[in-house]
Amino acid sequence: MRLLLPLVLMLGLAACSAPTRWEKPGISQETKEADLTVCRRAAAKQGLAYYPTLVNPPPALAYQAPWGIMGTYSDDFRYHADFRLTADCMRYKGYEQVPVPN
């Protein structure tokens, strides 16, 4: 029960967040998509530099728990870093996130 309550609260808060999109006055949809693609690729490259995938584990230990956990740990941080770095790049280009109207 102790573990279930924080999970339920977290999911409840996530459901309340409004979806957003990137906006910049005077920019076409194609330009916005191109800028977003450039930022996502740059963020993925930088995220991989910050949180590299576990490389070259000893062959006998490659699929044992400690190595798998370390790989998952790195992937989790890289996933969140990609979103943060993409947002930083888009803000640097002059975009801002606005809520999607219902």
PDB file of N, CA and C in Angstrom:
ATOM      1  N   MET A   1       0.822  -1.192   0.000  1.00  0.00           N
ATOM      2  CA  MET A   1       0.000   0.000   0.000  1.00  0.00           C
ATOM      3  C   MET A   1       0.869   1.260   0.000  1.00  0.00           C
ATOM      4  N   ARG A   2       1.997   1.203   0.707  1.00  0.00           N
ATOM      5  CA  ARG A   2       2.879   2.376   0.760  1.00  0.00           C
ATOM      6  C   ARG A   2       3.439   2.717  -0.612  1.00  0.00           C
ATOM      7  N   LEU A   3       3.713   1.717  -1.410  1.00  0.00           N
ATOM      8  CA  LEU A   3       4.262   1.968  -2.737  1.00  0.00           C
ATOM      9  C   LEU A   3       3.171   2.355  -3.729  1.00  0.00           C
ATOM     10  N   LEU A   4       1.971   1.937  -3.480  1.00  0.00           N
ATOM     11  CA  LEU A   4       0.883   2.204  -4.404  1.00  0.00           C
ATOM     12  C   LEU A   4       0.423   3.663  -4.343  1.00  0.00           C
ATOM     13  N   LEU A   5       0.385   4.246  -3.175  1.00  0.00           N
ATOM     14  CA  LEU A   5      -0.101   5.618  -3.014  1.00  0.00           C
ATOM     15  C   LEU A   5       0.744   6.634  -3.797  1.00  0.00           C
ATOM     16  N   PRO A   6       2.075   6.620  -3.676  1.00  0.00           N
ATOM     17  CA  PRO A   6       2.859   7.587  -4.475  1.00  0.00           C
ATOM     18  C   PRO A   6       2.676   7.383  -5.982  1.00  0.00           C
ATOM     19  N   LEU A   7       2.536   6.143  -6.401  1.00  0.00           N
ATOM     20  CA  LEU A   7       2.339   5.868  -7.823  1.00  0.00           C
ATOM     21  C   LEU A   7       1.016   6.445  -8.306  1.00  0.00           C
ATOM     22  N   VAL A   8      -0.038   6.256  -7.534  1.00  0.00           N
ATOM     23  CA  VAL A   8      -1.348   6.790  -7.897  1.00  0.00           C
ATOM     24  C   VAL A   8      -1.311   8.317  -7.923  1.00  0.00           C
ATOM     25  N   LEU A   9      -0.658   8.935  -6.952  1.00  0.00           N
ATOM     26  CA  LEU A   9      -0.555  10.395  -6.930  1.00  0.00           C
ATOM     27  C   LEU A   9       0.226  10.918  -8.130  1.00  0.00           C
ATOM     28  N   MET A  10       1.302  10.249  -8.478  1.00  0.00           N
ATOM     29  CA  MET A  10       2.115  10.663  -9.607  1.00  0.00           C
ATOM     30  C   MET A  10       1.317  10.564 -10.909  1.00  0.00           C
ATOM     31  N   LEU A  11       0.597   9.470 -11.084  1.00  0.00           N
ATOM     32  CA  LEU A  11      -0.211   9.315 -12.289  1.00  0.00           C
ATOM     33  C   LEU A  11      -1.334  10.342 -12.342  1.00  0.00           C
ATOM     34  N   GLY A  12      -1.902  10.658 -11.193  1.00  0.00           N
ATOM     35  CA  GLY A  12      -2.950  11.671 -11.136  1.00  0.00           C
ATOM     36  C   GLY A  12      -2.443  13.043 -11.533  1.00  0.00           C
ATOM     37  N   LEU A  13      -1.253  13.400 -11.071  1.00  0.00           N
ATOM     38  CA  LEU A  13      -0.666  14.690 -11.437  1.00  0.00           C
ATOM     39  C   LEU A  13      -0.300  14.735 -12.914  1.00  0.00           C
ATOM     40  N   ALA A  14       0.195  13.628 -13.427  1.00  0.00           N
ATOM     41  CA  ALA A  14       0.561  13.583 -14.842  1.00  0.00           C
ATOM     42  C   ALA A  14      -0.669  13.735 -15.725  1.00  0.00           C
ATOM     43  N   ALA A  15      -1.791  13.202 -15.291  1.00  0.00           N
ATOM     44  CA  ALA A  15      -3.016  13.308 -16.077  1.00  0.00           C
ATOM     45  C   ALA A  15      -3.540  14.743 -16.110  1.00  0.00           C
ATOM     46  N   CYS A  16      -3.191  15.539 -15.119  1.00  0.00           N
ATOM     47  CA  CYS A  16      -3.671  16.926 -15.042  1.00  0.00           C
ATOM     48  C   CYS A  16      -2.861  17.887 -15.906  1.00  0.00           C
ATOM     49  N   SER A  17      -1.688  17.499 -16.333  1.00  0.00           N
ATOM     50  CA  SER A  17      -0.861  18.420 -17.108  1.00  0.00           C
ATOM     51  C   SER A  17      -1.432  18.583 -18.513  1.00  0.00           C
ATOM     52  N   ALA A  18      -1.427  19.808 -18.983  1.00  0.00           N
ATOM     53  CA  ALA A  18      -1.975  20.109 -20.304  1.00  0.00           C
ATOM     54  C   ALA A  18      -0.911  19.877 -21.370  1.00  0.00           C
ATOM     55  N   PRO A  19      -1.299  19.351 -22.529  1.00  0.00           N
ATOM     56  CA  PRO A  19      -0.326  19.191 -23.615  1.00  0.00           C
ATOM     57  C   PRO A  19       0.119  20.563 -24.129  1.00  0.00           C
ATOM     58  N   THR A  20       1.333  20.631 -24.599  1.00  0.00           N
ATOM     59  CA  THR A  20       1.881  21.897 -25.093  1.00  0.00           C
ATOM     60  C   THR A  20       2.438  21.719 -26.498  1.00  0.00           C
ATOM     61  N   ARG A  21       2.686  22.846 -27.152  1.00  0.00           N
ATOM     62  CA  ARG A  21       3.345  22.839 -28.464  1.00  0.00           C
ATOM     63  C   ARG A  21       4.284  24.039 -28.526  1.00  0.00           C
ATOM     64  N   TRP A  22       5.210  24.002 -29.463  1.00  0.00           N
ATOM     65  CA  TRP A  22       6.173  25.090 -29.628  1.00  0.00           C
ATOM     66  C   TRP A  22       5.600  26.129 -30.576  1.00  0.00           C
ATOM     67  N   GLU A  23       5.706  27.386 -30.207  1.00  0.00           N
ATOM     68  CA  GLU A  23       5.198  28.489 -31.021  1.00  0.00           C
ATOM     69  C   GLU A  23       6.248  29.587 -31.126  1.00  0.00           C
ATOM     70  N   LYS A  24       6.267  30.226 -32.312  1.00  0.00           N
ATOM     71  CA  LYS A  24       7.106  31.398 -32.548  1.00  0.00           C
ATOM     72  C   LYS A  24       6.402  32.214 -33.623  1.00  0.00           C
ATOM     73  N   PRO A  25       6.111  33.475 -33.354  1.00  0.00           N
ATOM     74  CA  PRO A  25       5.385  34.290 -34.336  1.00  0.00           C
ATOM     75  C   PRO A  25       6.155  34.417 -35.652  1.00  0.00           C
ATOM     76  N   GLY A  26       5.410  34.338 -36.756  1.00  0.00           N
ATOM     77  CA  GLY A  26       5.991  34.551 -38.074  1.00  0.00           C
ATOM     78  C   GLY A  26       6.747  33.371 -38.653  1.00  0.00           C
ATOM     79  N   ILE A  27       6.610  32.209 -38.066  1.00  0.00           N
ATOM     80  CA  ILE A  27       7.334  31.020 -38.537  1.00  0.00           C
ATOM     81  C   ILE A  27       6.333  30.036 -39.135  1.00  0.00           C
ATOM     82  N   SER A  28       6.675  29.449 -40.280  1.00  0.00           N
ATOM     83  CA  SER A  28       5.800  28.459 -40.898  1.00  0.00           C
ATOM     84  C   SER A  28       5.904  27.121 -40.166  1.00  0.00           C
ATOM     85  N   GLN A  29       4.940  26.265 -40.421  1.00  0.00           N
ATOM     86  CA  GLN A  29       4.934  24.934 -39.803  1.00  0.00           C
ATOM     87  C   GLN A  29       6.161  24.128 -40.238  1.00  0.00           C
ATOM     88  N   GLU A  30       6.563  24.258 -41.499  1.00  0.00           N
ATOM     89  CA  GLU A  30       7.726  23.521 -42.003  1.00  0.00           C
ATOM     90  C   GLU A  30       9.007  23.961 -41.297  1.00  0.00           C
ATOM     91  N   THR A  31       9.142  25.274 -41.082  1.00  0.00           N
ATOM     92  CA  THR A  31      10.323  25.792 -40.385  1.00  0.00           C
ATOM     93  C   THR A  31      10.344  25.311 -38.938  1.00  0.00           C
ATOM     94  N   LYS A  32       9.182  25.319 -38.309  1.00  0.00           N
ATOM     95  CA  LYS A  32       9.095  24.859 -36.927  1.00  0.00           C
ATOM     96  C   LYS A  32       9.469  23.383 -36.828  1.00  0.00           C
ATOM     97  N   GLU A  33       8.966  22.562 -37.739  1.00  0.00           N
ATOM     98  CA  GLU A  33       9.297  21.132 -37.730  1.00  0.00           C
ATOM     99  C   GLU A  33      10.783  20.912 -38.000  1.00  0.00           C
ATOM    100  N   ALA A  34      11.367  21.699 -38.907  1.00  0.00           N
ATOM    101  CA  ALA A  34      12.800  21.574 -39.195  1.00  0.00           C
ATOM    102  C   ALA A  34      13.632  21.960 -37.975  1.00  0.00           C
ATOM    103  N   ASP A  35      13.259  23.047 -37.302  1.00  0.00           N
ATOM    104  CA  ASP A  35      13.973  23.461 -36.095  1.00  0.00           C
ATOM    105  C   ASP A  35      13.848  22.417 -34.989  1.00  0.00           C
ATOM    106  N   LEU A  36      12.648  21.857 -34.851  1.00  0.00           N
ATOM    107  CA  LEU A  36      12.433  20.829 -33.825  1.00  0.00           C
ATOM    108  C   LEU A  36      13.254  19.576 -34.120  1.00  0.00           C
ATOM    109  N   THR A  37      13.347  19.203 -35.386  1.00  0.00           N
ATOM    110  CA  THR A  37      14.152  18.042 -35.767  1.00  0.00           C
ATOM    111  C   THR A  37      15.630  18.277 -35.473  1.00  0.00           C
ATOM    112  N   VAL A  38      16.114  19.469 -35.812  1.00  0.00           N
ATOM    113  CA  VAL A  38      17.518  19.803 -35.535  1.00  0.00           C
ATOM    114  C   VAL A  38      17.785  19.760 -34.031  1.00  0.00           C
ATOM    115  N   CYS A  39      16.877  20.333 -33.250  1.00  0.00           N
ATOM    116  CA  CYS A  39      17.058  20.351 -31.795  1.00  0.00           C
ATOM    117  C   CYS A  39      16.999  18.951 -31.200  1.00  0.00           C
ATOM    118  N   ARG A  40      16.088  18.123 -31.694  1.00  0.00           N
ATOM    119  CA  ARG A  40      15.989  16.749 -31.180  1.00  0.00           C
ATOM    120  C   ARG A  40      17.251  15.950 -31.488  1.00  0.00           C
ATOM    121  N   ARG A  41      17.776  16.110 -32.690  1.00  0.00           N
ATOM    122  CA  ARG A  41      19.002  15.380 -33.051  1.00  0.00           C
ATOM    123  C   ARG A  41      20.192  15.858 -32.225  1.00  0.00           C
ATOM    124  N   ALA A  42      20.294  17.169 -32.036  1.00  0.00           N
ATOM    125  CA  ALA A  42      21.394  17.703 -31.227  1.00  0.00           C
ATOM    126  C   ALA A  42      21.253  17.257 -29.773  1.00  0.00           C
ATOM    127  N   ALA A  43      20.014  17.238 -29.270  1.00  0.00           N
ATOM    128  CA  ALA A  43      19.781  16.800 -27.886  1.00  0.00           C
ATOM    129  C   ALA A  43      20.112  15.321 -27.720  1.00  0.00           C
ATOM    130  N   ALA A  44      19.757  14.507 -28.703  1.00  0.00           N
ATOM    131  CA  ALA A  44      20.061  13.077 -28.622  1.00  0.00           C
ATOM    132  C   ALA A  44      21.571  12.849 -28.616  1.00  0.00           C
ATOM    133  N   LYS A  45      22.282  13.597 -29.438  1.00  0.00           N
ATOM    134  CA  LYS A  45      23.745  13.466 -29.488  1.00  0.00           C
ATOM    135  C   LYS A  45      24.382  13.905 -28.173  1.00  0.00           C
ATOM    136  N   GLN A  46      23.908  15.036 -27.634  1.00  0.00           N
ATOM    137  CA  GLN A  46      24.457  15.531 -26.375  1.00  0.00           C
ATOM    138  C   GLN A  46      24.051  14.635 -25.209  1.00  0.00           C
ATOM    139  N   GLY A  47      22.824  14.140 -25.223  1.00  0.00           N
ATOM    140  CA  GLY A  47      22.373  13.227 -24.168  1.00  0.00           C
ATOM    141  C   GLY A  47      23.197  11.957 -24.134  1.00  0.00           C
ATOM    142  N   LEU A  48      23.561  11.452 -25.305  1.00  0.00           N
ATOM    143  CA  LEU A  48      24.398  10.255 -25.364  1.00  0.00           C
ATOM    144  C   LEU A  48      25.798  10.552 -24.844  1.00  0.00           C
ATOM    145  N   ALA A  49      26.276  11.775 -25.047  1.00  0.00           N
ATOM    146  CA  ALA A  49      27.588  12.149 -24.505  1.00  0.00           C
ATOM    147  C   ALA A  49      27.544  12.266 -22.984  1.00  0.00           C
ATOM    148  N   TYR A  50      26.430  12.806 -22.453  1.00  0.00           N
ATOM    149  CA  TYR A  50      26.296  12.937 -21.000  1.00  0.00           C
ATOM    150  C   TYR A  50      26.070  11.593 -20.322  1.00  0.00           C
ATOM    151  N   TYR A  51      25.252  10.759 -20.933  1.00  0.00           N
ATOM    152  CA  TYR A  51      24.868   9.467 -20.342  1.00  0.00           C
ATOM    153  C   TYR A  51      25.093   8.363 -21.359  1.00  0.00           C
ATOM    154  N   PRO A  52      26.349   7.951 -21.545  1.00  0.00           N
ATOM    155  CA  PRO A  52      26.641   6.933 -22.564  1.00  0.00           C
ATOM    156  C   PRO A  52      26.023   5.582 -22.197  1.00  0.00           C
ATOM    157  N   THR A  53      25.711   4.829 -23.233  1.00  0.00           N
ATOM    158  CA  THR A  53      25.229   3.469 -23.033  1.00  0.00           C
ATOM    159  C   THR A  53      26.376   2.644 -22.483  1.00  0.00           C
ATOM    160  N   LEU A  54      26.038   1.730 -21.623  1.00  0.00           N
ATOM    161  CA  LEU A  54      27.050   0.858 -21.052  1.00  0.00           C
ATOM    162  C   LEU A  54      27.711   0.071 -22.172  1.00  0.00           C
ATOM    163  N   VAL A  55      28.989   0.245 -22.336  1.00  0.00           N
ATOM    164  CA  VAL A  55      29.686  -0.416 -23.437  1.00  0.00           C
ATOM    165  C   VAL A  55      30.648  -1.467 -22.907  1.00  0.00           C
ATOM    166  N   ASN A  56      30.765  -2.503 -23.670  1.00  0.00           N
ATOM    167  CA  ASN A  56      31.730  -3.571 -23.433  1.00  0.00           C
ATOM    168  C   ASN A  56      31.700  -4.174 -22.028  1.00  0.00           C
ATOM    169  N   PRO A  57      30.560  -4.663 -21.563  1.00  0.00           N
ATOM    170  CA  PRO A  57      30.592  -5.409 -20.307  1.00  0.00           C
ATOM    171  C   PRO A  57      31.305  -6.728 -20.549  1.00  0.00           C
ATOM    172  N   PRO A  58      31.894  -7.298 -19.518  1.00  0.00           N
ATOM    173  CA  PRO A  58      32.533  -8.603 -19.697  1.00  0.00           C
ATOM    174  C   PRO A  58      31.521  -9.601 -20.253  1.00  0.00           C
ATOM    175  N   PRO A  59      31.916 -10.429 -21.229  1.00  0.00           N
ATOM    176  CA  PRO A  59      30.962 -11.324 -21.894  1.00  0.00           C
ATOM    177  C   PRO A  59      30.168 -12.215 -20.938  1.00  0.00           C
ATOM    178  N   ALA A  60      30.792 -12.699 -19.919  1.00  0.00           N
ATOM    179  CA  ALA A  60      30.083 -13.590 -19.003  1.00  0.00           C
ATOM    180  C   ALA A  60      29.055 -12.838 -18.160  1.00  0.00           C
ATOM    181  N   LEU A  61      29.221 -11.522 -18.001  1.00  0.00           N
ATOM    182  CA  LEU A  61      28.337 -10.742 -17.144  1.00  0.00           C
ATOM    183  C   LEU A  61      27.375  -9.846 -17.912  1.00  0.00           C
ATOM    184  N   ALA A  62      27.383  -9.936 -19.239  1.00  0.00           N
ATOM    185  CA  ALA A  62      26.620  -8.994 -20.054  1.00  0.00           C
ATOM    186  C   ALA A  62      25.133  -8.990 -19.741  1.00  0.00           C
ATOM    187  N   TYR A  63      24.559 -10.132 -19.401  1.00  0.00           N
ATOM    188  CA  TYR A  63      23.110 -10.198 -19.193  1.00  0.00           C
ATOM    189  C   TYR A  63      22.735 -10.421 -17.739  1.00  0.00           C
ATOM    190  N   GLN A  64      23.660 -10.190 -16.837  1.00  0.00           N
ATOM    191  CA  GLN A  64      23.340 -10.338 -15.423  1.00  0.00           C
ATOM    192  C   GLN A  64      22.816  -9.016 -14.884  1.00  0.00           C
ATOM    193  N   ALA A  65      22.148  -9.073 -13.772  1.00  0.00           N
ATOM    194  CA  ALA A  65      21.404  -7.946 -13.224  1.00  0.00           C
ATOM    195  C   ALA A  65      22.204  -6.645 -13.064  1.00  0.00           C
ATOM    196  N   PRO A  66      23.388  -6.639 -12.460  1.00  0.00           N
ATOM    197  CA  PRO A  66      24.064  -5.343 -12.264  1.00  0.00           C
ATOM    198  C   PRO A  66      24.336  -4.598 -13.573  1.00  0.00           C
ATOM    199  N   TRP A  67      24.723  -5.308 -14.611  1.00  0.00           N
ATOM    200  CA  TRP A  67      25.003  -4.643 -15.881  1.00  0.00           C
ATOM    201  C   TRP A  67      23.717  -4.135 -16.509  1.00  0.00           C
ATOM    202  N   GLY A  68      22.659  -4.904 -16.419  1.00  0.00           N
ATOM    203  CA  GLY A  68      21.373  -4.473 -16.967  1.00  0.00           C
ATOM    204  C   GLY A  68      20.829  -3.259 -16.247  1.00  0.00           C
ATOM    205  N   ILE A  69      20.968  -3.218 -14.936  1.00  0.00           N
ATOM    206  CA  ILE A  69      20.486  -2.081 -14.158  1.00  0.00           C
ATOM    207  C   ILE A  69      21.265  -0.825 -14.516  1.00  0.00           C
ATOM    208  N   MET A  70      22.567  -0.955 -14.695  1.00  0.00           N
ATOM    209  CA  MET A  70      23.371   0.215 -15.039  1.00  0.00           C
ATOM    210  C   MET A  70      22.993   0.759 -16.406  1.00  0.00           C
ATOM    211  N   GLY A  71      22.701  -0.143 -17.366  1.00  0.00           N
ATOM    212  CA  GLY A  71      22.272   0.301 -18.683  1.00  0.00           C
ATOM    213  C   GLY A  71      20.928   1.006 -18.623  1.00  0.00           C
ATOM    214  N   THR A  72      19.997   0.471 -17.849  1.00  0.00           N
ATOM    215  CA  THR A  72      18.680   1.079 -17.699  1.00  0.00           C
ATOM    216  C   THR A  72      18.793   2.423 -17.003  1.00  0.00           C
ATOM    217  N   TYR A  73      19.655   2.523 -16.011  1.00  0.00           N
ATOM    218  CA  TYR A  73      19.890   3.766 -15.281  1.00  0.00           C
ATOM    219  C   TYR A  73      20.360   4.857 -16.240  1.00  0.00           C
ATOM    220  N   SER A  74      21.311   4.521 -17.087  1.00  0.00           N
ATOM    221  CA  SER A  74      21.846   5.477 -18.044  1.00  0.00           C
ATOM    222  C   SER A  74      20.782   5.878 -19.068  1.00  0.00           C
ATOM    223  N   ASP A  75      20.011   4.908 -19.558  1.00  0.00           N
ATOM    224  CA  ASP A  75      18.967   5.194 -20.541  1.00  0.00           C
ATOM    225  C   ASP A  75      17.895   6.097 -19.963  1.00  0.00           C
ATOM    226  N   ASP A  76      17.537   5.885 -18.700  1.00  0.00           N
ATOM    227  CA  ASP A  76      16.514   6.701 -18.058  1.00  0.00           C
ATOM    228  C   ASP A  76      16.956   8.156 -17.970  1.00  0.00           C
ATOM    229  N   PHE A  77      18.179   8.388 -17.535  1.00  0.00           N
ATOM    230  CA  PHE A  77      18.678   9.756 -17.434  1.00  0.00           C
ATOM    231  C   PHE A  77      18.817  10.396 -18.811  1.00  0.00           C
ATOM    232  N   ARG A  78      19.241   9.616 -19.799  1.00  0.00           N
ATOM    233  CA  ARG A  78      19.389  10.148 -21.151  1.00  0.00           C
ATOM    234  C   ARG A  78      18.027  10.535 -21.730  1.00  0.00           C
ATOM    235  N   TYR A  79      17.004   9.740 -21.470  1.00  0.00           N
ATOM    236  CA  TYR A  79      15.655  10.024 -21.950  1.00  0.00           C
ATOM    237  C   TYR A  79      15.171  11.376 -21.434  1.00  0.00           C
ATOM    238  N   HIS A  80      15.346  11.631 -20.155  1.00  0.00           N
ATOM    239  CA  HIS A  80      14.912  12.899 -19.568  1.00  0.00           C
ATOM    240  C   HIS A  80      15.810  14.063 -20.018  1.00  0.00           C
ATOM    241  N   ALA A  81      17.094  13.793 -20.186  1.00  0.00           N
ATOM    242  CA  ALA A  81      18.008  14.835 -20.654  1.00  0.00           C
ATOM    243  C   ALA A  81      17.658  15.262 -22.077  1.00  0.00           C
ATOM    244  N   ASP A  82      17.227  14.316 -22.907  1.00  0.00           N
ATOM    245  CA  ASP A  82      16.854  14.657 -24.279  1.00  0.00           C
ATOM    246  C   ASP A  82      15.708  15.664 -24.311  1.00  0.00           C
ATOM    247  N   PHE A  83      14.707  15.469 -23.472  1.00  0.00           N
ATOM    248  CA  PHE A  83      13.597  16.422 -23.423  1.00  0.00           C
ATOM    249  C   PHE A  83      14.063  17.796 -22.949  1.00  0.00           C
ATOM    250  N   ARG A  84      14.883  17.811 -21.910  1.00  0.00           N
ATOM    251  CA  ARG A  84      15.368  19.073 -21.360  1.00  0.00           C
ATOM    252  C   ARG A  84      16.253  19.806 -22.372  1.00  0.00           C
ATOM    253  N   LEU A  85      17.149  19.077 -23.027  1.00  0.00           N
ATOM    254  CA  LEU A  85      18.048  19.694 -24.000  1.00  0.00           C
ATOM    255  C   LEU A  85      17.295  20.167 -25.240  1.00  0.00           C
ATOM    256  N   THR A  86      16.278  19.429 -25.664  1.00  0.00           N
ATOM    257  CA  THR A  86      15.460  19.864 -26.789  1.00  0.00           C
ATOM    258  C   THR A  86      14.739  21.167 -26.444  1.00  0.00           C
ATOM    259  N   ALA A  87      14.185  21.231 -25.246  1.00  0.00           N
ATOM    260  CA  ALA A  87      13.485  22.445 -24.804  1.00  0.00           C
ATOM    261  C   ALA A  87      14.450  23.626 -24.735  1.00  0.00           C
ATOM    262  N   ASP A  88      15.648  23.406 -24.232  1.00  0.00           N
ATOM    263  CA  ASP A  88      16.643  24.482 -24.167  1.00  0.00           C
ATOM    264  C   ASP A  88      16.994  24.990 -25.563  1.00  0.00           C
ATOM    265  N   CYS A  89      17.166  24.076 -26.495  1.00  0.00           N
ATOM    266  CA  CYS A  89      17.507  24.442 -27.871  1.00  0.00           C
ATOM    267  C   CYS A  89      16.381  25.247 -28.515  1.00  0.00           C
ATOM    268  N   MET A  90      15.144  24.793 -28.335  1.00  0.00           N
ATOM    269  CA  MET A  90      14.013  25.506 -28.934  1.00  0.00           C
ATOM    270  C   MET A  90      13.848  26.896 -28.323  1.00  0.00           C
ATOM    271  N   ARG A  91      14.056  27.010 -27.031  1.00  0.00           N
ATOM    272  CA  ARG A  91      13.979  28.335 -26.396  1.00  0.00           C
ATOM    273  C   ARG A  91      15.097  29.242 -26.911  1.00  0.00           C
ATOM    274  N   TYR A  92      16.270  28.675 -27.123  1.00  0.00           N
ATOM    275  CA  TYR A  92      17.386  29.439 -27.654  1.00  0.00           C
ATOM    276  C   TYR A  92      17.061  29.974 -29.051  1.00  0.00           C
ATOM    277  N   LYS A  93      16.289  29.216 -29.822  1.00  0.00           N
ATOM    278  CA  LYS A  93      15.897  29.631 -31.167  1.00  0.00           C
ATOM    279  C   LYS A  93      14.728  30.611 -31.153  1.00  0.00           C
ATOM    280  N   GLY A  94      14.198  30.922 -29.958  1.00  0.00           N
ATOM    281  CA  GLY A  94      13.148  31.915 -29.850  1.00  0.00           C
ATOM    282  C   GLY A  94      11.735  31.367 -29.719  1.00  0.00           C
ATOM    283  N   TYR A  95      11.601  30.066 -29.588  1.00  0.00           N
ATOM    284  CA  TYR A  95      10.274  29.464 -29.446  1.00  0.00           C
ATOM    285  C   TYR A  95       9.871  29.454 -27.965  1.00  0.00           C
ATOM    286  N   GLU A  96       8.578  29.346 -27.745  1.00  0.00           N
ATOM    287  CA  GLU A  96       8.091  29.152 -26.383  1.00  0.00           C
ATOM    288  C   GLU A  96       6.997  28.094 -26.408  1.00  0.00           C
ATOM    289  N   GLN A  97       6.878  27.361 -25.314  1.00  0.00           N
ATOM    290  CA  GLN A  97       5.852  26.332 -25.221  1.00  0.00           C
ATOM    291  C   GLN A  97       4.550  26.968 -24.756  1.00  0.00           C
ATOM    292  N   VAL A  98       3.494  26.682 -25.488  1.00  0.00           N
ATOM    293  CA  VAL A  98       2.177  27.192 -25.136  1.00  0.00           C
ATOM    294  C   VAL A  98       1.216  26.010 -25.033  1.00  0.00           C
ATOM    295  N   PRO A  99       0.204  26.111 -24.175  1.00  0.00           N
ATOM    296  CA  PRO A  99      -0.775  25.022 -24.071  1.00  0.00           C
ATOM    297  C   PRO A  99      -1.571  24.863 -25.362  1.00  0.00           C
ATOM    298  N   VAL A 100      -1.887  23.626 -25.683  1.00  0.00           N
ATOM    299  CA  VAL A 100      -2.709  23.336 -26.855  1.00  0.00           C
ATOM    300  C   VAL A 100      -4.164  23.648 -26.496  1.00  0.00           C
ATOM    301  N   PRO A 101      -4.834  24.485 -27.283  1.00  0.00           N
ATOM    302  CA  PRO A 101      -6.235  24.791 -26.967  1.00  0.00           C
ATOM    303  C   PRO A 101      -7.112  23.554 -27.166  1.00  0.00           C
ATOM    304  N   ASN A 102      -8.125  23.438 -26.326  1.00  0.00           N
ATOM    305  CA  ASN A 102      -9.026  22.287 -26.416  1.00  0.00           C
ATOM    306  C   ASN A 102     -10.022  22.440 -27.493  1.00  0.00           C
TER     307      ASN A 102
END
